């Protein structure tokens, strides 16, 4: 049994314990931003250089899997195949997963405006091919925009995906984004709208049809606590969003674990870090309660210094919480 399955079994049985928090590395950006998602090389002064190539990106994925700290590695089908050809997962306890659909709101190519239009469902991945390549877990994404026709169509495609997944004995986890366009709902009501829309679309599903866990934006402690409390049988995970500071990343881990999330699925926060493997190690330490977010940020910079890596931000900037949704609760906890 892979480590993910062991952790999910304990979480579902009410036996969640230190070390059971699930960390997933979302290296599936080639299904959205494409070339730039590989991230830049770091110059000696810490500034960003040219984008990494696909082989270099595969090297970085292999390094994270080999480190054996994350529980899930999410990639495109093409990169899954390349990693399997390298034998990366042969003896690993990390679960491979693929992005099972690529809705238009993740098409953030340079110069493109697709993501500024209401999300439309689209799916490139073939589940049968993913299964042939040794993967039985995928991410399915949906975005509700308070648009009857668009949301109706998205739900119809979600139903078709579930039928395909069942036919291929394929598991999935469900990513639900906040609206990607102005949808006529005030910012203060978005968290409740997303929670309601998500739980409504899951209400008609049997246990066998339901996702392994959810992946949602962090809309603050109240919205997360409401979701976690409403249906304890649902395992809730949180997506990472923008890169932010190192403290933002680690504080997000601390807060979502405190309010009941049991999964973190971070992409840019890991991929754009000055030392991705050390970032993952600090995420694990914070999730397990071994360090607070500020202490872990300082430890992270200590490692950068010892390895001769010039950080992209000086410590005094990187130790700051810059994401508004995190700042309020961090101040309350400090008090």
C-alpha atoms as a PDB file:
ATOM      1  CA  UNK A   1       0.000   0.000   0.000  1.00  0.00           C
ATOM      2  CA  UNK A   2       1.328   3.436  -0.923  1.00  0.00           C
ATOM      3  CA  UNK A   3       1.712   6.044   1.799  1.00  0.00           C
ATOM      4  CA  UNK A   4      -1.241   8.107   0.518  1.00  0.00           C
ATOM      5  CA  UNK A   5      -3.644   5.188   0.933  1.00  0.00           C
ATOM      6  CA  UNK A   6      -2.422   4.458   4.443  1.00  0.00           C
ATOM      7  CA  UNK A   7      -2.940   8.077   5.462  1.00  0.00           C
ATOM      8  CA  UNK A   8      -6.380   8.345   3.853  1.00  0.00           C
ATOM      9  CA  UNK A   9      -7.477   5.179   5.648  1.00  0.00           C
ATOM     10  CA  UNK A  10      -6.501   6.613   9.032  1.00  0.00           C
ATOM     11  CA  UNK A  11      -8.052  10.010   8.272  1.00  0.00           C
ATOM     12  CA  UNK A  12     -11.364   8.415   7.223  1.00  0.00           C
ATOM     13  CA  UNK A  13     -11.458   6.193  10.286  1.00  0.00           C
ATOM     14  CA  UNK A  14     -11.024   9.172  12.611  1.00  0.00           C
ATOM     15  CA  UNK A  15      -7.481   8.096  13.475  1.00  0.00           C
ATOM     16  CA  UNK A  16      -5.665  11.159  12.084  1.00  0.00           C
ATOM     17  CA  UNK A  17      -2.343  11.585  13.873  1.00  0.00           C
ATOM     18  CA  UNK A  18       0.897  13.508  13.631  1.00  0.00           C
ATOM     19  CA  UNK A  19       2.522  12.742  10.295  1.00  0.00           C
ATOM     20  CA  UNK A  20      -0.747  11.942   8.494  1.00  0.00           C
ATOM     21  CA  UNK A  21      -1.116  15.343   6.818  1.00  0.00           C
ATOM     22  CA  UNK A  22      -0.889  14.714   3.062  1.00  0.00           C
ATOM     23  CA  UNK A  23       1.428  16.818   0.910  1.00  0.00           C
ATOM     24  CA  UNK A  24       1.068  16.757  -2.872  1.00  0.00           C
ATOM     25  CA  UNK A  25       3.406  18.445  -5.319  1.00  0.00           C
ATOM     26  CA  UNK A  26       1.426  19.828  -8.255  1.00  0.00           C
ATOM     27  CA  UNK A  27       3.865  19.727 -11.167  1.00  0.00           C
ATOM     28  CA  UNK A  28       1.154  19.669 -13.816  1.00  0.00           C
ATOM     29  CA  UNK A  29       1.660  23.225 -15.087  1.00  0.00           C
ATOM     30  CA  UNK A  30       2.487  22.066 -18.602  1.00  0.00           C
ATOM     31  CA  UNK A  31      -1.266  21.423 -18.877  1.00  0.00           C
ATOM     32  CA  UNK A  32      -1.888  25.136 -18.240  1.00  0.00           C
ATOM     33  CA  UNK A  33       0.802  27.823 -18.479  1.00  0.00           C
ATOM     34  CA  UNK A  34       2.926  25.382 -20.540  1.00  0.00           C
ATOM     35  CA  UNK A  35       6.610  26.302 -21.046  1.00  0.00           C
ATOM     36  CA  UNK A  36       6.851  28.931 -18.304  1.00  0.00           C
ATOM     37  CA  UNK A  37       5.420  26.475 -15.762  1.00  0.00           C
ATOM     38  CA  UNK A  38       8.792  24.699 -15.610  1.00  0.00           C
ATOM     39  CA  UNK A  39      10.048  27.717 -13.686  1.00  0.00           C
ATOM     40  CA  UNK A  40      13.168  29.799 -14.242  1.00  0.00           C
ATOM     41  CA  UNK A  41      16.781  29.029 -13.621  1.00  0.00           C
ATOM     42  CA  UNK A  42      18.165  31.033 -10.713  1.00  0.00           C
ATOM     43  CA  UNK A  43      21.108  33.304 -11.443  1.00  0.00           C
ATOM     44  CA  UNK A  44      23.950  33.554  -8.955  1.00  0.00           C
ATOM     45  CA  UNK A  45      22.456  36.772  -7.545  1.00  0.00           C
ATOM     46  CA  UNK A  46      19.076  35.111  -6.916  1.00  0.00           C
ATOM     47  CA  UNK A  47      17.313  36.689  -9.906  1.00  0.00           C
ATOM     48  CA  UNK A  48      15.308  34.663 -12.409  1.00  0.00           C
ATOM     49  CA  UNK A  49      16.939  33.493 -15.629  1.00  0.00           C
ATOM     50  CA  UNK A  50      15.686  31.547 -18.643  1.00  0.00           C
ATOM     51  CA  UNK A  51      12.947  28.950 -18.243  1.00  0.00           C
ATOM     52  CA  UNK A  52      14.048  25.405 -17.541  1.00  0.00           C
ATOM     53  CA  UNK A  53      13.679  22.826 -20.293  1.00  0.00           C
ATOM     54  CA  UNK A  54      11.396  19.814 -20.048  1.00  0.00           C
ATOM     55  CA  UNK A  55      14.310  17.422 -19.292  1.00  0.00           C
ATOM     56  CA  UNK A  56      15.435  19.763 -16.506  1.00  0.00           C
ATOM     57  CA  UNK A  57      11.887  19.913 -15.184  1.00  0.00           C
ATOM     58  CA  UNK A  58      11.722  16.120 -15.181  1.00  0.00           C
ATOM     59  CA  UNK A  59      14.974  16.100 -13.206  1.00  0.00           C
ATOM     60  CA  UNK A  60      13.371  18.354 -10.583  1.00  0.00           C
ATOM     61  CA  UNK A  61      10.314  16.090 -10.346  1.00  0.00           C
ATOM     62  CA  UNK A  62      12.516  13.034  -9.960  1.00  0.00           C
ATOM     63  CA  UNK A  63      14.467  14.760  -7.173  1.00  0.00           C
ATOM     64  CA  UNK A  64      11.276  15.469  -5.208  1.00  0.00           C
ATOM     65  CA  UNK A  65       9.953  11.917  -5.644  1.00  0.00           C
ATOM     66  CA  UNK A  66      13.316  10.449  -4.621  1.00  0.00           C
ATOM     67  CA  UNK A  67      13.394  12.707  -1.546  1.00  0.00           C
ATOM     68  CA  UNK A  68      10.317  10.741  -0.394  1.00  0.00           C
ATOM     69  CA  UNK A  69       8.657  13.486   1.655  1.00  0.00           C
ATOM     70  CA  UNK A  70       5.608  14.284  -0.511  1.00  0.00           C
ATOM     71  CA  UNK A  71       2.787  11.745  -0.736  1.00  0.00           C
ATOM     72  CA  UNK A  72       1.478  12.549  -4.230  1.00  0.00           C
ATOM     73  CA  UNK A  73       3.198  13.774  -7.391  1.00  0.00           C
ATOM     74  CA  UNK A  74       0.763  15.330  -9.865  1.00  0.00           C
ATOM     75  CA  UNK A  75       1.934  15.606 -13.477  1.00  0.00           C
ATOM     76  CA  UNK A  76       0.663  15.526 -17.032  1.00  0.00           C
ATOM     77  CA  UNK A  77       0.276  12.128 -18.705  1.00  0.00           C
ATOM     78  CA  UNK A  78       3.265  12.851 -20.961  1.00  0.00           C
ATOM     79  CA  UNK A  79       5.527  13.564 -17.987  1.00  0.00           C
ATOM     80  CA  UNK A  80       4.149  10.550 -16.106  1.00  0.00           C
ATOM     81  CA  UNK A  81       5.215   8.403 -19.045  1.00  0.00           C
ATOM     82  CA  UNK A  82       8.702   9.951 -19.095  1.00  0.00           C
ATOM     83  CA  UNK A  83       9.094   9.416 -15.348  1.00  0.00           C
ATOM     84  CA  UNK A  84       7.961   5.796 -15.631  1.00  0.00           C
ATOM     85  CA  UNK A  85      10.496   5.245 -18.399  1.00  0.00           C
ATOM     86  CA  UNK A  86      13.159   6.534 -15.999  1.00  0.00           C
ATOM     87  CA  UNK A  87      11.952   4.087 -13.344  1.00  0.00           C
ATOM     88  CA  UNK A  88      11.233   6.914 -10.901  1.00  0.00           C
ATOM     89  CA  UNK A  89       8.231   5.179  -9.302  1.00  0.00           C
ATOM     90  CA  UNK A  90       9.583   1.608  -9.393  1.00  0.00           C
ATOM     91  CA  UNK A  91      10.276   1.388  -5.656  1.00  0.00           C
ATOM     92  CA  UNK A  92       8.710   4.659  -4.509  1.00  0.00           C
ATOM     93  CA  UNK A  93       5.914   5.046  -1.963  1.00  0.00           C
ATOM     94  CA  UNK A  94       4.878   8.328  -3.611  1.00  0.00           C
ATOM     95  CA  UNK A  95       1.589   8.045  -5.519  1.00  0.00           C
ATOM     96  CA  UNK A  96       1.683   9.245  -9.140  1.00  0.00           C
ATOM     97  CA  UNK A  97      -1.345  11.247 -10.257  1.00  0.00           C
ATOM     98  CA  UNK A  98      -2.261  12.945 -13.528  1.00  0.00           C
ATOM     99  CA  UNK A  99      -4.237  16.060 -14.409  1.00  0.00           C
ATOM    100  CA  UNK A 100      -7.346  14.431 -15.809  1.00  0.00           C
ATOM    101  CA  UNK A 101      -8.836  17.561 -17.371  1.00  0.00           C
ATOM    102  CA  UNK A 102      -7.607  20.984 -18.423  1.00  0.00           C
ATOM    103  CA  UNK A 103     -10.415  23.513 -18.330  1.00  0.00           C
ATOM    104  CA  UNK A 104      -9.941  26.772 -20.200  1.00  0.00           C
ATOM    105  CA  UNK A 105      -9.327  28.828 -17.052  1.00  0.00           C
ATOM    106  CA  UNK A 106      -5.909  27.171 -16.682  1.00  0.00           C
ATOM    107  CA  UNK A 107      -4.880  28.121 -20.231  1.00  0.00           C
ATOM    108  CA  UNK A 108      -2.726  31.019 -19.057  1.00  0.00           C
ATOM    109  CA  UNK A 109      -0.330  31.165 -21.994  1.00  0.00           C
ATOM    110  CA  UNK A 110       1.792  34.267 -22.516  1.00  0.00           C
ATOM    111  CA  UNK A 111      -0.339  36.877 -24.302  1.00  0.00           C
ATOM    112  CA  UNK A 112      -3.545  34.813 -24.085  1.00  0.00           C
ATOM    113  CA  UNK A 113      -6.856  35.955 -22.594  1.00  0.00           C
ATOM    114  CA  UNK A 114      -8.633  32.586 -22.254  1.00  0.00           C
ATOM    115  CA  UNK A 115      -8.454  32.672 -18.451  1.00  0.00           C
ATOM    116  CA  UNK A 116     -10.287  36.015 -18.404  1.00  0.00           C
ATOM    117  CA  UNK A 117     -13.370  34.348 -19.890  1.00  0.00           C
ATOM    118  CA  UNK A 118     -15.741  32.022 -18.011  1.00  0.00           C
ATOM    119  CA  UNK A 119     -14.269  28.555 -17.600  1.00  0.00           C
ATOM    120  CA  UNK A 120     -15.292  25.922 -20.137  1.00  0.00           C
ATOM    121  CA  UNK A 121     -14.774  22.170 -19.623  1.00  0.00           C
ATOM    122  CA  UNK A 122     -12.145  20.405 -21.708  1.00  0.00           C
ATOM    123  CA  UNK A 123     -10.231  17.155 -21.310  1.00  0.00           C
ATOM    124  CA  UNK A 124      -7.038  16.061 -23.047  1.00  0.00           C
ATOM    125  CA  UNK A 125      -5.997  13.093 -20.885  1.00  0.00           C
ATOM    126  CA  UNK A 126      -7.046   9.544 -21.747  1.00  0.00           C
ATOM    127  CA  UNK A 127      -7.739   7.620 -18.538  1.00  0.00           C
ATOM    128  CA  UNK A 128      -7.071   4.276 -20.173  1.00  0.00           C
ATOM    129  CA  UNK A 129      -3.600   5.453 -21.213  1.00  0.00           C
ATOM    130  CA  UNK A 130      -2.882   6.773 -17.726  1.00  0.00           C
ATOM    131  CA  UNK A 131      -3.905   3.426 -16.263  1.00  0.00           C
ATOM    132  CA  UNK A 132      -1.652   1.620 -18.737  1.00  0.00           C
ATOM    133  CA  UNK A 133       1.200   3.805 -17.507  1.00  0.00           C
ATOM    134  CA  UNK A 134       0.683   2.685 -13.923  1.00  0.00           C
ATOM    135  CA  UNK A 135      -1.466   5.546 -12.623  1.00  0.00           C
ATOM    136  CA  UNK A 136      -4.993   5.189 -11.210  1.00  0.00           C
ATOM    137  CA  UNK A 137      -5.435   8.650  -9.654  1.00  0.00           C
ATOM    138  CA  UNK A 138      -6.265  11.919 -11.371  1.00  0.00           C
ATOM    139  CA  UNK A 139      -7.209  15.509 -10.651  1.00  0.00           C
ATOM    140  CA  UNK A 140     -10.527  16.667 -12.074  1.00  0.00           C
ATOM    141  CA  UNK A 141     -11.129  20.413 -12.001  1.00  0.00           C
ATOM    142  CA  UNK A 142     -14.344  22.408 -12.129  1.00  0.00           C
ATOM    143  CA  UNK A 143     -15.060  26.137 -11.784  1.00  0.00           C
ATOM    144  CA  UNK A 144     -18.507  27.456 -10.877  1.00  0.00           C
ATOM    145  CA  UNK A 145     -19.235  30.976 -12.154  1.00  0.00           C
ATOM    146  CA  UNK A 146     -22.886  31.557 -11.195  1.00  0.00           C
ATOM    147  CA  UNK A 147     -23.694  31.155 -14.901  1.00  0.00           C
ATOM    148  CA  UNK A 148     -26.511  28.665 -15.459  1.00  0.00           C
ATOM    149  CA  UNK A 149     -25.530  27.530 -18.943  1.00  0.00           C
ATOM    150  CA  UNK A 150     -21.783  27.362 -18.250  1.00  0.00           C
ATOM    151  CA  UNK A 151     -22.166  25.614 -14.896  1.00  0.00           C
ATOM    152  CA  UNK A 152     -24.747  23.189 -16.319  1.00  0.00           C
ATOM    153  CA  UNK A 153     -22.321  22.248 -19.082  1.00  0.00           C
ATOM    154  CA  UNK A 154     -19.464  21.820 -16.588  1.00  0.00           C
ATOM    155  CA  UNK A 155     -21.554  19.458 -14.481  1.00  0.00           C
ATOM    156  CA  UNK A 156     -22.556  17.414 -17.534  1.00  0.00           C
ATOM    157  CA  UNK A 157     -18.881  16.972 -18.396  1.00  0.00           C
ATOM    158  CA  UNK A 158     -18.150  16.028 -14.790  1.00  0.00           C
ATOM    159  CA  UNK A 159     -20.815  13.304 -15.028  1.00  0.00           C
ATOM    160  CA  UNK A 160     -19.252  11.976 -18.229  1.00  0.00           C
ATOM    161  CA  UNK A 161     -15.842  11.931 -16.573  1.00  0.00           C
ATOM    162  CA  UNK A 162     -17.173   9.934 -13.627  1.00  0.00           C
ATOM    163  CA  UNK A 163     -18.580   7.314 -16.002  1.00  0.00           C
ATOM    164  CA  UNK A 164     -15.213   7.083 -17.762  1.00  0.00           C
ATOM    165  CA  UNK A 165     -13.395   6.853 -14.412  1.00  0.00           C
ATOM    166  CA  UNK A 166     -15.676   4.047 -13.236  1.00  0.00           C
ATOM    167  CA  UNK A 167     -15.181   2.150 -16.496  1.00  0.00           C
ATOM    168  CA  UNK A 168     -11.398   2.380 -16.072  1.00  0.00           C
ATOM    169  CA  UNK A 169     -11.381   1.723 -12.299  1.00  0.00           C
ATOM    170  CA  UNK A 170      -9.780   5.133 -11.946  1.00  0.00           C
ATOM    171  CA  UNK A 171      -9.855   7.280  -8.802  1.00  0.00           C
ATOM    172  CA  UNK A 172      -9.925  11.062  -8.757  1.00  0.00           C
ATOM    173  CA  UNK A 173      -9.745  14.061  -6.489  1.00  0.00           C
ATOM    174  CA  UNK A 174     -11.858  17.123  -7.170  1.00  0.00           C
ATOM    175  CA  UNK A 175     -10.454  20.616  -7.566  1.00  0.00           C
ATOM    176  CA  UNK A 176     -13.001  23.423  -7.241  1.00  0.00           C
ATOM    177  CA  UNK A 177     -11.700  26.883  -8.075  1.00  0.00           C
ATOM    178  CA  UNK A 178     -13.228  30.164  -7.007  1.00  0.00           C
ATOM    179  CA  UNK A 179     -15.022  31.906  -9.913  1.00  0.00           C
ATOM    180  CA  UNK A 180     -12.472  33.005 -12.504  1.00  0.00           C
ATOM    181  CA  UNK A 181     -14.515  35.995 -13.726  1.00  0.00           C
ATOM    182  CA  UNK A 182     -16.806  38.591 -12.184  1.00  0.00           C
ATOM    183  CA  UNK A 183     -19.886  36.493 -11.483  1.00  0.00           C
ATOM    184  CA  UNK A 184     -22.120  39.034  -9.765  1.00  0.00           C
ATOM    185  CA  UNK A 185     -21.392  37.738  -6.259  1.00  0.00           C
ATOM    186  CA  UNK A 186     -19.720  39.944  -3.667  1.00  0.00           C
ATOM    187  CA  UNK A 187     -16.282  38.932  -2.431  1.00  0.00           C
ATOM    188  CA  UNK A 188     -17.625  38.263   1.052  1.00  0.00           C
ATOM    189  CA  UNK A 189     -20.141  35.745  -0.352  1.00  0.00           C
ATOM    190  CA  UNK A 190     -17.759  33.826  -2.641  1.00  0.00           C
ATOM    191  CA  UNK A 191     -16.610  31.352   0.045  1.00  0.00           C
ATOM    192  CA  UNK A 192     -20.185  30.361   0.879  1.00  0.00           C
ATOM    193  CA  UNK A 193     -21.132  30.159  -2.794  1.00  0.00           C
ATOM    194  CA  UNK A 194     -18.218  27.827  -3.570  1.00  0.00           C
ATOM    195  CA  UNK A 195     -18.919  25.631  -0.534  1.00  0.00           C
ATOM    196  CA  UNK A 196     -22.592  25.327  -1.481  1.00  0.00           C
ATOM    197  CA  UNK A 197     -21.918  24.636  -5.166  1.00  0.00           C
ATOM    198  CA  UNK A 198     -19.339  21.999  -4.335  1.00  0.00           C
ATOM    199  CA  UNK A 199     -21.420  20.158  -1.768  1.00  0.00           C
ATOM    200  CA  UNK A 200     -24.511  20.300  -3.987  1.00  0.00           C
ATOM    201  CA  UNK A 201     -22.730  18.580  -6.871  1.00  0.00           C
ATOM    202  CA  UNK A 202     -21.431  15.876  -4.499  1.00  0.00           C
ATOM    203  CA  UNK A 203     -24.786  15.262  -2.795  1.00  0.00           C
ATOM    204  CA  UNK A 204     -26.016  13.064  -5.628  1.00  0.00           C
ATOM    205  CA  UNK A 205     -22.929  10.847  -5.611  1.00  0.00           C
ATOM    206  CA  UNK A 206     -22.583   7.496  -3.882  1.00  0.00           C
ATOM    207  CA  UNK A 207     -19.440   6.746  -1.863  1.00  0.00           C
ATOM    208  CA  UNK A 208     -18.034   4.850  -4.818  1.00  0.00           C
ATOM    209  CA  UNK A 209     -18.515   7.871  -7.111  1.00  0.00           C
ATOM    210  CA  UNK A 210     -17.093  10.483  -4.756  1.00  0.00           C
ATOM    211  CA  UNK A 211     -13.608  11.971  -4.991  1.00  0.00           C
ATOM    212  CA  UNK A 212     -10.800  10.714  -2.775  1.00  0.00           C
ATOM    213  CA  UNK A 213     -10.459  14.260  -1.450  1.00  0.00           C
ATOM    214  CA  UNK A 214     -11.112  17.885  -2.391  1.00  0.00           C
ATOM    215  CA  UNK A 215      -8.738  20.590  -3.566  1.00  0.00           C
ATOM    216  CA  UNK A 216     -10.036  24.110  -2.948  1.00  0.00           C
ATOM    217  CA  UNK A 217      -8.793  27.661  -2.536  1.00  0.00           C
ATOM    218  CA  UNK A 218      -8.221  28.787   1.036  1.00  0.00           C
ATOM    219  CA  UNK A 219     -11.013  31.288   1.646  1.00  0.00           C
ATOM    220  CA  UNK A 220     -10.200  31.763   5.312  1.00  0.00           C
ATOM    221  CA  UNK A 221     -10.740  29.783   8.512  1.00  0.00           C
ATOM    222  CA  UNK A 222     -14.501  30.275   8.721  1.00  0.00           C
ATOM    223  CA  UNK A 223     -15.165  28.862   5.237  1.00  0.00           C
ATOM    224  CA  UNK A 224     -12.742  25.970   5.732  1.00  0.00           C
ATOM    225  CA  UNK A 225     -14.149  25.084   9.147  1.00  0.00           C
ATOM    226  CA  UNK A 226     -17.691  25.157   7.735  1.00  0.00           C
ATOM    227  CA  UNK A 227     -16.728  22.755   4.947  1.00  0.00           C
ATOM    228  CA  UNK A 228     -14.826  20.377   7.204  1.00  0.00           C
ATOM    229  CA  UNK A 229     -17.569  20.342   9.840  1.00  0.00           C
ATOM    230  CA  UNK A 230     -20.460  19.933   7.394  1.00  0.00           C
ATOM    231  CA  UNK A 231     -19.477  16.462   6.198  1.00  0.00           C
ATOM    232  CA  UNK A 232     -16.670  14.775   8.148  1.00  0.00           C
ATOM    233  CA  UNK A 233     -16.634  11.940   5.609  1.00  0.00           C
ATOM    234  CA  UNK A 234     -15.115  14.344   3.043  1.00  0.00           C
ATOM    235  CA  UNK A 235     -11.343  14.867   3.215  1.00  0.00           C
ATOM    236  CA  UNK A 236     -10.603  18.483   2.398  1.00  0.00           C
ATOM    237  CA  UNK A 237      -7.410  19.712   0.748  1.00  0.00           C
ATOM    238  CA  UNK A 238      -6.236  23.216  -0.106  1.00  0.00           C
ATOM    239  CA  UNK A 239      -4.439  24.475  -3.193  1.00  0.00           C
ATOM    240  CA  UNK A 240      -1.405  26.714  -2.932  1.00  0.00           C
ATOM    241  CA  UNK A 241      -2.216  29.590  -5.263  1.00  0.00           C
ATOM    242  CA  UNK A 242       0.555  32.066  -6.111  1.00  0.00           C
ATOM    243  CA  UNK A 243       4.183  31.644  -5.095  1.00  0.00           C
ATOM    244  CA  UNK A 244       4.149  34.309  -2.345  1.00  0.00           C
ATOM    245  CA  UNK A 245       6.849  34.418   0.315  1.00  0.00           C
ATOM    246  CA  UNK A 246       8.279  31.378   2.039  1.00  0.00           C
ATOM    247  CA  UNK A 247       6.408  32.465   5.181  1.00  0.00           C
ATOM    248  CA  UNK A 248       3.150  32.611   3.167  1.00  0.00           C
ATOM    249  CA  UNK A 249       3.637  29.006   2.075  1.00  0.00           C
ATOM    250  CA  UNK A 250       4.445  27.713   5.538  1.00  0.00           C
ATOM    251  CA  UNK A 251       1.796  29.789   7.309  1.00  0.00           C
ATOM    252  CA  UNK A 252      -0.812  28.456   4.871  1.00  0.00           C
ATOM    253  CA  UNK A 253       0.190  24.904   5.813  1.00  0.00           C
ATOM    254  CA  UNK A 254      -0.102  25.740   9.517  1.00  0.00           C
ATOM    255  CA  UNK A 255      -3.515  27.399   9.203  1.00  0.00           C
ATOM    256  CA  UNK A 256      -5.232  24.855   6.990  1.00  0.00           C
ATOM    257  CA  UNK A 257      -4.073  21.968   9.190  1.00  0.00           C
ATOM    258  CA  UNK A 258      -5.334  23.834  12.271  1.00  0.00           C
ATOM    259  CA  UNK A 259      -8.794  24.304  10.744  1.00  0.00           C
ATOM    260  CA  UNK A 260      -9.234  20.732   9.588  1.00  0.00           C
ATOM    261  CA  UNK A 261      -7.780  20.403   6.092  1.00  0.00           C
ATOM    262  CA  UNK A 262      -5.778  17.222   5.724  1.00  0.00           C
ATOM    263  CA  UNK A 263      -4.184  17.749   2.306  1.00  0.00           C
ATOM    264  CA  UNK A 264      -2.026  20.498   0.776  1.00  0.00           C
ATOM    265  CA  UNK A 265      -1.560  20.522  -3.000  1.00  0.00           C
ATOM    266  CA  UNK A 266       1.045  23.137  -3.803  1.00  0.00           C
ATOM    267  CA  UNK A 267       2.579  23.873  -7.198  1.00  0.00           C
ATOM    268  CA  UNK A 268       4.236  27.259  -7.589  1.00  0.00           C
ATOM    269  CA  UNK A 269       5.027  27.505  -3.878  1.00  0.00           C
ATOM    270  CA  UNK A 270       7.330  24.497  -4.333  1.00  0.00           C
ATOM    271  CA  UNK A 271       8.440  24.824  -7.942  1.00  0.00           C
ATOM    272  CA  UNK A 272       9.465  28.508  -7.658  1.00  0.00           C
ATOM    273  CA  UNK A 273      11.249  28.116  -4.328  1.00  0.00           C
ATOM    274  CA  UNK A 274      14.996  28.765  -4.253  1.00  0.00           C
ATOM    275  CA  UNK A 275      15.425  25.214  -2.932  1.00  0.00           C
ATOM    276  CA  UNK A 276      12.299  23.135  -3.668  1.00  0.00           C
ATOM    277  CA  UNK A 277      13.413  20.098  -1.687  1.00  0.00           C
ATOM    278  CA  UNK A 278      14.186  22.168   1.385  1.00  0.00           C
ATOM    279  CA  UNK A 279      10.815  23.911   1.015  1.00  0.00           C
ATOM    280  CA  UNK A 280       9.090  20.530   1.008  1.00  0.00           C
ATOM    281  CA  UNK A 281      11.047  19.491   4.093  1.00  0.00           C
ATOM    282  CA  UNK A 282       9.939  22.648   5.927  1.00  0.00           C
ATOM    283  CA  UNK A 283       6.323  22.100   4.837  1.00  0.00           C
ATOM    284  CA  UNK A 284       6.465  18.649   6.384  1.00  0.00           C
ATOM    285  CA  UNK A 285       7.949  20.018   9.619  1.00  0.00           C
ATOM    286  CA  UNK A 286       5.222  22.671   9.928  1.00  0.00           C
ATOM    287  CA  UNK A 287       2.390  20.266   9.043  1.00  0.00           C
ATOM    288  CA  UNK A 288       3.628  17.841  11.701  1.00  0.00           C
ATOM    289  CA  UNK A 289       3.812  20.588  14.344  1.00  0.00           C
ATOM    290  CA  UNK A 290       7.574  20.391  14.700  1.00  0.00           C
ATOM    291  CA  UNK A 291       8.070  24.070  13.784  1.00  0.00           C
ATOM    292  CA  UNK A 292       6.014  27.208  13.472  1.00  0.00           C
ATOM    293  CA  UNK A 293       5.929  29.031  10.137  1.00  0.00           C
ATOM    294  CA  UNK A 294       8.329  31.804  11.181  1.00  0.00           C
ATOM    295  CA  UNK A 295      10.834  29.409  12.723  1.00  0.00           C
ATOM    296  CA  UNK A 296      10.700  27.203   9.623  1.00  0.00           C
ATOM    297  CA  UNK A 297      11.238  30.214   7.329  1.00  0.00           C
ATOM    298  CA  UNK A 298      14.357  31.166   9.271  1.00  0.00           C
ATOM    299  CA  UNK A 299      15.579  27.559   9.187  1.00  0.00           C
ATOM    300  CA  UNK A 300      14.973  27.483   5.432  1.00  0.00           C
ATOM    301  CA  UNK A 301      17.160  30.558   4.939  1.00  0.00           C
ATOM    302  CA  UNK A 302      19.815  29.017   7.144  1.00  0.00           C
ATOM    303  CA  UNK A 303      19.952  26.043   4.791  1.00  0.00           C
ATOM    304  CA  UNK A 304      20.159  28.329   1.747  1.00  0.00           C
ATOM    305  CA  UNK A 305      23.087  30.111   3.321  1.00  0.00           C
ATOM    306  CA  UNK A 306      24.865  26.865   4.175  1.00  0.00           C
ATOM    307  CA  UNK A 307      24.453  25.677   0.581  1.00  0.00           C
ATOM    308  CA  UNK A 308      25.679  28.936  -0.922  1.00  0.00           C
ATOM    309  CA  UNK A 309      22.311  29.778  -2.500  1.00  0.00           C
ATOM    310  CA  UNK A 310      21.458  33.464  -2.799  1.00  0.00           C
ATOM    311  CA  UNK A 311      17.744  33.779  -1.967  1.00  0.00           C
ATOM    312  CA  UNK A 312      15.422  35.588  -4.339  1.00  0.00           C
ATOM    313  CA  UNK A 313      14.216  37.557  -1.286  1.00  0.00           C
ATOM    314  CA  UNK A 314      16.216  38.594   1.760  1.00  0.00           C
ATOM    315  CA  UNK A 315      15.121  36.979   5.015  1.00  0.00           C
ATOM    316  CA  UNK A 316      13.565  40.171   6.383  1.00  0.00           C
ATOM    317  CA  UNK A 317      11.182  40.207   3.372  1.00  0.00           C
ATOM    318  CA  UNK A 318      10.670  36.448   3.093  1.00  0.00           C
ATOM    319  CA  UNK A 319       9.601  36.123   6.731  1.00  0.00           C
ATOM    320  CA  UNK A 320       6.639  38.441   6.109  1.00  0.00           C
ATOM    321  CA  UNK A 321       3.052  37.253   5.584  1.00  0.00           C
ATOM    322  CA  UNK A 322       1.833  39.035   2.464  1.00  0.00           C
ATOM    323  CA  UNK A 323      -1.403  37.176   1.677  1.00  0.00           C
ATOM    324  CA  UNK A 324      -4.344  38.958   3.288  1.00  0.00           C
ATOM    325  CA  UNK A 325      -6.327  35.764   3.925  1.00  0.00           C
ATOM    326  CA  UNK A 326      -3.465  34.523   6.121  1.00  0.00           C
ATOM    327  CA  UNK A 327      -2.497  37.695   7.942  1.00  0.00           C
ATOM    328  CA  UNK A 328      -5.540  38.115  10.182  1.00  0.00           C
ATOM    329  CA  UNK A 329      -5.390  34.643  11.716  1.00  0.00           C
ATOM    330  CA  UNK A 330      -1.600  34.806  12.078  1.00  0.00           C
ATOM    331  CA  UNK A 331      -1.936  37.974  14.149  1.00  0.00           C
ATOM    332  CA  UNK A 332      -4.663  36.406  16.281  1.00  0.00           C
ATOM    333  CA  UNK A 333      -2.531  33.315  16.931  1.00  0.00           C
ATOM    334  CA  UNK A 334       0.481  35.445  17.855  1.00  0.00           C
ATOM    335  CA  UNK A 335      -1.626  37.388  20.359  1.00  0.00           C
END
